[in-house]
Amino acid sequence: MKIDDLSGQPDMLADIETACVAARQRLNLNSQQTSPESIVAAIDAYLCQQNSVQSQTETGADAPPLIEDEDIEECAFELGCLWGQQLTLAFQWKWVQVRLSDDQHAVVIGVTCSQQTLVIYPFQYIFQLLDEQDGRTISVSIFKAFQLLNQPSRIPLLPPNSMENVMEHVH
């Protein structure tokens, strides 16, 4: 696993900032909702509502989806950027690019703490929440993860660079 800090890539950081603006509009966040906690709560609520609409549709209810299938990737990117941004603001995490293997295409973007003990891959997590093609529903745990990170005493000590995926352990 190779980890590269994205702070030296201004184009990527500009793309993230642009997506955050779009995500705030998607969520109809007002100027009062500026704390990382309130923004993460809004992302979580939006995704819970989307999951609820998907469940109703599967059971035959006639509810229109909040997100059309063709918009899932864009939505996952926007909301993932906004979620990751809140982690950088609240916990001083940083954006990283992680190469999972020698394969040049096995690269994911995430946010990690300074010791790189914990990582969250926001785009992948949100995409899995929104993409119902495999027939399984994932429980939305974004706000729960944020609350956990706000209580460091509840997080076990991990060796530096272990890159433990937080979302695999929050249910």
C-alpha atoms as a PDB file:
ATOM      1  CA  MET A   1       0.000   0.000   0.000  1.00  0.00           C
ATOM      2  CA  LYS A   2       1.385   3.396  -0.990  1.00  0.00           C
ATOM      3  CA  ILE A   3      -0.074   6.597   0.472  1.00  0.00           C
ATOM      4  CA  ASP A   4       0.321  10.026  -1.129  1.00  0.00           C
ATOM      5  CA  ASP A   5      -0.772  13.260   0.541  1.00  0.00           C
ATOM      6  CA  LEU A   6      -2.994  15.298  -1.784  1.00  0.00           C
ATOM      7  CA  SER A   7      -2.111  18.650  -0.215  1.00  0.00           C
ATOM      8  CA  GLY A   8       0.462  19.156  -2.976  1.00  0.00           C
ATOM      9  CA  GLN A   9      -2.142  18.694  -5.717  1.00  0.00           C
ATOM     10  CA  PRO A  10      -4.010  22.010  -5.963  1.00  0.00           C
ATOM     11  CA  ASP A  11      -6.111  20.885  -8.954  1.00  0.00           C
ATOM     12  CA  MET A  12      -7.506  17.937  -7.014  1.00  0.00           C
ATOM     13  CA  LEU A  13      -8.170  20.087  -3.956  1.00  0.00           C
ATOM     14  CA  ALA A  14      -9.934  22.664  -6.163  1.00  0.00           C
ATOM     15  CA  ASP A  15     -12.134  19.879  -7.590  1.00  0.00           C
ATOM     16  CA  ILE A  16     -12.970  18.785  -4.041  1.00  0.00           C
ATOM     17  CA  GLU A  17     -13.892  22.352  -3.052  1.00  0.00           C
ATOM     18  CA  THR A  18     -16.110  22.757  -6.140  1.00  0.00           C
ATOM     19  CA  ALA A  19     -17.865  19.480  -5.328  1.00  0.00           C
ATOM     20  CA  CYS A  20     -18.416  20.647  -1.735  1.00  0.00           C
ATOM     21  CA  VAL A  21     -20.262  23.714  -3.015  1.00  0.00           C
ATOM     22  CA  ALA A  22     -22.462  21.494  -5.206  1.00  0.00           C
ATOM     23  CA  ALA A  23     -23.116  19.136  -2.278  1.00  0.00           C
ATOM     24  CA  ARG A  24     -24.201  22.015  -0.024  1.00  0.00           C
ATOM     25  CA  GLN A  25     -26.672  23.034  -2.735  1.00  0.00           C
ATOM     26  CA  ARG A  26     -27.894  19.443  -3.147  1.00  0.00           C
ATOM     27  CA  LEU A  27     -28.539  19.275   0.601  1.00  0.00           C
ATOM     28  CA  ASN A  28     -30.089  22.769   0.721  1.00  0.00           C
ATOM     29  CA  LEU A  29     -27.738  23.729   3.529  1.00  0.00           C
ATOM     30  CA  ASN A  30     -28.261  27.247   4.741  1.00  0.00           C
ATOM     31  CA  SER A  31     -25.642  29.603   6.087  1.00  0.00           C
ATOM     32  CA  GLN A  32     -26.567  28.574   9.642  1.00  0.00           C
ATOM     33  CA  GLN A  33     -25.406  25.006   9.022  1.00  0.00           C
ATOM     34  CA  THR A  34     -21.671  25.505   9.107  1.00  0.00           C
ATOM     35  CA  SER A  35     -20.364  23.255  11.860  1.00  0.00           C
ATOM     36  CA  PRO A  36     -18.827  19.997  10.680  1.00  0.00           C
ATOM     37  CA  GLU A  37     -21.207  18.104  12.961  1.00  0.00           C
ATOM     38  CA  SER A  38     -24.338  19.723  11.495  1.00  0.00           C
ATOM     39  CA  ILE A  39     -23.111  19.186   7.936  1.00  0.00           C
ATOM     40  CA  VAL A  40     -22.300  15.519   8.561  1.00  0.00           C
ATOM     41  CA  ALA A  41     -25.730  15.105  10.165  1.00  0.00           C
ATOM     42  CA  ALA A  42     -27.327  16.602   7.030  1.00  0.00           C
ATOM     43  CA  ILE A  43     -25.386  14.216   4.758  1.00  0.00           C
ATOM     44  CA  ASP A  44     -26.416  11.275   6.933  1.00  0.00           C
ATOM     45  CA  ALA A  45     -30.093  12.353   6.932  1.00  0.00           C
ATOM     46  CA  TYR A  46     -30.097  12.806   3.147  1.00  0.00           C
ATOM     47  CA  LEU A  47     -28.644   9.325   2.594  1.00  0.00           C
ATOM     48  CA  CYS A  48     -31.081   7.791   5.104  1.00  0.00           C
ATOM     49  CA  GLN A  49     -33.931   9.425   3.194  1.00  0.00           C
ATOM     50  CA  GLN A  50     -32.538   8.058  -0.077  1.00  0.00           C
ATOM     51  CA  ASN A  51     -32.324   4.555   1.411  1.00  0.00           C
ATOM     52  CA  SER A  52     -35.905   4.896   2.647  1.00  0.00           C
ATOM     53  CA  VAL A  53     -37.109   5.898  -0.830  1.00  0.00           C
ATOM     54  CA  GLN A  54     -35.224   2.953  -2.352  1.00  0.00           C
ATOM     55  CA  SER A  55     -36.850   0.583   0.145  1.00  0.00           C
ATOM     56  CA  GLN A  56     -40.329   1.949  -0.638  1.00  0.00           C
ATOM     57  CA  THR A  57     -39.718   1.533  -4.358  1.00  0.00           C
ATOM     58  CA  GLU A  58     -38.610  -2.084  -3.846  1.00  0.00           C
ATOM     59  CA  THR A  59     -41.794  -2.864  -1.903  1.00  0.00           C
ATOM     60  CA  GLY A  60     -44.020  -1.417  -4.615  1.00  0.00           C
ATOM     61  CA  ALA A  61     -44.673   2.030  -3.154  1.00  0.00           C
ATOM     62  CA  ASP A  62     -44.791   4.791  -5.738  1.00  0.00           C
ATOM     63  CA  ALA A  63     -42.097   7.157  -4.443  1.00  0.00           C
ATOM     64  CA  PRO A  64     -39.784   8.883  -6.935  1.00  0.00           C
ATOM     65  CA  PRO A  65     -36.068   8.434  -6.196  1.00  0.00           C
ATOM     66  CA  LEU A  66     -34.185  11.421  -4.839  1.00  0.00           C
ATOM     67  CA  ILE A  67     -31.222  10.505  -7.005  1.00  0.00           C
ATOM     68  CA  GLU A  68     -31.604   9.113 -10.501  1.00  0.00           C
ATOM     69  CA  ASP A  69     -29.355   6.176 -11.404  1.00  0.00           C
ATOM     70  CA  GLU A  70     -27.327   8.269 -13.838  1.00  0.00           C
ATOM     71  CA  ASP A  71     -26.535  10.774 -11.045  1.00  0.00           C
ATOM     72  CA  ILE A  72     -25.269   8.284  -8.452  1.00  0.00           C
ATOM     73  CA  GLU A  73     -21.559   8.731  -9.206  1.00  0.00           C
ATOM     74  CA  GLU A  74     -21.814  12.530  -9.237  1.00  0.00           C
ATOM     75  CA  CYS A  75     -23.805  12.534  -6.003  1.00  0.00           C
ATOM     76  CA  ALA A  76     -21.346  10.144  -4.310  1.00  0.00           C
ATOM     77  CA  PHE A  77     -18.456  12.386  -5.354  1.00  0.00           C
ATOM     78  CA  GLU A  78     -20.130  15.587  -4.155  1.00  0.00           C
ATOM     79  CA  LEU A  79     -21.322  14.213  -0.819  1.00  0.00           C
ATOM     80  CA  GLY A  80     -18.057  12.326  -0.325  1.00  0.00           C
ATOM     81  CA  CYS A  81     -16.094  15.538  -0.818  1.00  0.00           C
ATOM     82  CA  LEU A  82     -18.283  17.396   1.662  1.00  0.00           C
ATOM     83  CA  TRP A  83     -18.035  14.587   4.229  1.00  0.00           C
ATOM     84  CA  GLY A  84     -14.269  14.339   3.824  1.00  0.00           C
ATOM     85  CA  GLN A  85     -13.945  18.100   4.111  1.00  0.00           C
ATOM     86  CA  GLN A  86     -15.749  17.984   7.472  1.00  0.00           C
ATOM     87  CA  LEU A  87     -13.303  15.333   8.702  1.00  0.00           C
ATOM     88  CA  THR A  88     -10.380  17.553   7.716  1.00  0.00           C
ATOM     89  CA  LEU A  89     -11.940  20.528   9.515  1.00  0.00           C
ATOM     90  CA  ALA A  90     -13.104  18.770  12.677  1.00  0.00           C
ATOM     91  CA  PHE A  91     -10.227  16.340  13.223  1.00  0.00           C
ATOM     92  CA  GLN A  92      -7.347  17.787  11.165  1.00  0.00           C
ATOM     93  CA  TRP A  93      -7.408  14.760   8.871  1.00  0.00           C
ATOM     94  CA  LYS A  94      -5.923  15.060   5.392  1.00  0.00           C
ATOM     95  CA  TRP A  95      -6.861  13.962   1.902  1.00  0.00           C
ATOM     96  CA  VAL A  96      -4.753  11.083   0.588  1.00  0.00           C
ATOM     97  CA  GLN A  97      -4.487   8.921  -2.481  1.00  0.00           C
ATOM     98  CA  VAL A  98      -3.995   5.260  -1.594  1.00  0.00           C
ATOM     99  CA  ARG A  99      -2.543   2.755  -4.037  1.00  0.00           C
ATOM    100  CA  LEU A 100      -3.884  -0.571  -2.793  1.00  0.00           C
ATOM    101  CA  SER A 101      -1.623  -2.761  -4.946  1.00  0.00           C
ATOM    102  CA  ASP A 102       0.928  -2.575  -7.760  1.00  0.00           C
ATOM    103  CA  ASP A 103      -1.937  -2.159 -10.219  1.00  0.00           C
ATOM    104  CA  GLN A 104      -1.922   1.471 -11.437  1.00  0.00           C
ATOM    105  CA  HIS A 105      -5.744   1.459 -11.456  1.00  0.00           C
ATOM    106  CA  ALA A 106      -6.122   0.276  -7.855  1.00  0.00           C
ATOM    107  CA  VAL A 107      -6.118   3.803  -6.432  1.00  0.00           C
ATOM    108  CA  VAL A 108      -8.677   5.268  -4.054  1.00  0.00           C
ATOM    109  CA  ILE A 109      -9.035   8.695  -2.476  1.00  0.00           C
ATOM    110  CA  GLY A 110      -9.647   8.936   1.234  1.00  0.00           C
ATOM    111  CA  VAL A 111      -9.098  10.987   4.346  1.00  0.00           C
ATOM    112  CA  THR A 112      -6.807   9.870   7.132  1.00  0.00           C
ATOM    113  CA  CYS A 113      -5.611  11.025  10.524  1.00  0.00           C
ATOM    114  CA  SER A 114      -2.053  12.282  11.033  1.00  0.00           C
ATOM    115  CA  GLN A 115      -0.679   8.913  12.168  1.00  0.00           C
ATOM    116  CA  GLN A 116      -2.517   7.182   9.308  1.00  0.00           C
ATOM    117  CA  THR A 117      -4.031   4.711  11.768  1.00  0.00           C
ATOM    118  CA  LEU A 118      -7.579   5.388  10.552  1.00  0.00           C
ATOM    119  CA  VAL A 119      -8.965   6.077   7.092  1.00  0.00           C
ATOM    120  CA  ILE A 120     -12.347   6.740   5.524  1.00  0.00           C
ATOM    121  CA  TYR A 121     -12.976   6.334   1.803  1.00  0.00           C
ATOM    122  CA  PRO A 122     -15.994   8.652   1.492  1.00  0.00           C
ATOM    123  CA  PHE A 123     -16.679   8.248  -2.240  1.00  0.00           C
ATOM    124  CA  GLN A 124     -16.687   4.461  -2.155  1.00  0.00           C
ATOM    125  CA  TYR A 125     -18.838   4.301   0.979  1.00  0.00           C
ATOM    126  CA  ILE A 126     -21.489   6.684  -0.354  1.00  0.00           C
ATOM    127  CA  PHE A 127     -21.480   5.043  -3.782  1.00  0.00           C
ATOM    128  CA  GLN A 128     -22.159   1.657  -2.121  1.00  0.00           C
ATOM    129  CA  LEU A 129     -25.031   3.232  -0.182  1.00  0.00           C
ATOM    130  CA  LEU A 130     -26.603   4.646  -3.317  1.00  0.00           C
ATOM    131  CA  ASP A 131     -25.940   1.793  -5.726  1.00  0.00           C
ATOM    132  CA  GLU A 132     -28.522  -0.929  -5.195  1.00  0.00           C
ATOM    133  CA  GLN A 133     -27.507  -3.096  -8.144  1.00  0.00           C
ATOM    134  CA  ASP A 134     -26.293  -5.951  -5.987  1.00  0.00           C
ATOM    135  CA  GLY A 135     -29.566  -6.007  -4.040  1.00  0.00           C
ATOM    136  CA  ARG A 136     -28.120  -5.309  -0.602  1.00  0.00           C
ATOM    137  CA  THR A 137     -28.802  -2.302   1.542  1.00  0.00           C
ATOM    138  CA  ILE A 138     -26.047  -0.807   3.658  1.00  0.00           C
ATOM    139  CA  SER A 139     -26.936   0.944   6.886  1.00  0.00           C
ATOM    140  CA  VAL A 140     -26.072   4.656   6.832  1.00  0.00           C
ATOM    141  CA  SER A 141     -23.452   5.191   9.561  1.00  0.00           C
ATOM    142  CA  ILE A 142     -21.804   8.465   8.596  1.00  0.00           C
ATOM    143  CA  PHE A 143     -22.983  10.484  11.592  1.00  0.00           C
ATOM    144  CA  LYS A 144     -22.324   7.573  13.935  1.00  0.00           C
ATOM    145  CA  ALA A 145     -18.720   7.411  12.659  1.00  0.00           C
ATOM    146  CA  PHE A 146     -18.335  11.167  13.176  1.00  0.00           C
ATOM    147  CA  GLN A 147     -19.559  10.840  16.761  1.00  0.00           C
ATOM    148  CA  LEU A 148     -17.135   7.966  17.354  1.00  0.00           C
ATOM    149  CA  LEU A 149     -14.207  10.007  16.053  1.00  0.00           C
ATOM    150  CA  ASN A 150     -15.289  12.792  18.429  1.00  0.00           C
ATOM    151  CA  GLN A 151     -14.634  10.373  21.316  1.00  0.00           C
ATOM    152  CA  PRO A 152     -11.025   9.215  20.830  1.00  0.00           C
ATOM    153  CA  SER A 153     -11.111   7.182  24.053  1.00  0.00           C
ATOM    154  CA  ARG A 154     -13.507   4.767  22.297  1.00  0.00           C
ATOM    155  CA  ILE A 155     -11.013   4.081  19.499  1.00  0.00           C
ATOM    156  CA  PRO A 156      -8.456   1.343  20.178  1.00  0.00           C
ATOM    157  CA  LEU A 157      -4.758   2.148  19.850  1.00  0.00           C
ATOM    158  CA  LEU A 158      -3.495   1.147  16.431  1.00  0.00           C
ATOM    159  CA  PRO A 159       0.000   1.069  14.991  1.00  0.00           C
ATOM    160  CA  PRO A 160       0.985   4.004  12.758  1.00  0.00           C
ATOM    161  CA  ASN A 161       0.231   3.526   9.041  1.00  0.00           C
ATOM    162  CA  SER A 162      -2.237   0.708   9.725  1.00  0.00           C
ATOM    163  CA  MET A 163      -4.938   2.573   7.719  1.00  0.00           C
ATOM    164  CA  GLU A 164      -7.882   0.872   9.444  1.00  0.00           C
ATOM    165  CA  ASN A 165     -11.087   1.636   7.532  1.00  0.00           C
ATOM    166  CA  VAL A 166     -13.408   3.251  10.083  1.00  0.00           C
ATOM    167  CA  MET A 167     -16.556   2.465   8.105  1.00  0.00           C
ATOM    168  CA  GLU A 168     -15.929  -1.282   8.274  1.00  0.00           C
ATOM    169  CA  HIS A 169     -16.368  -1.081  12.052  1.00  0.00           C
ATOM    170  CA  VAL A 170     -19.260   1.372  12.500  1.00  0.00           C
ATOM    171  CA  HIS A 171     -22.735  -0.154  12.358  1.00  0.00           C
END
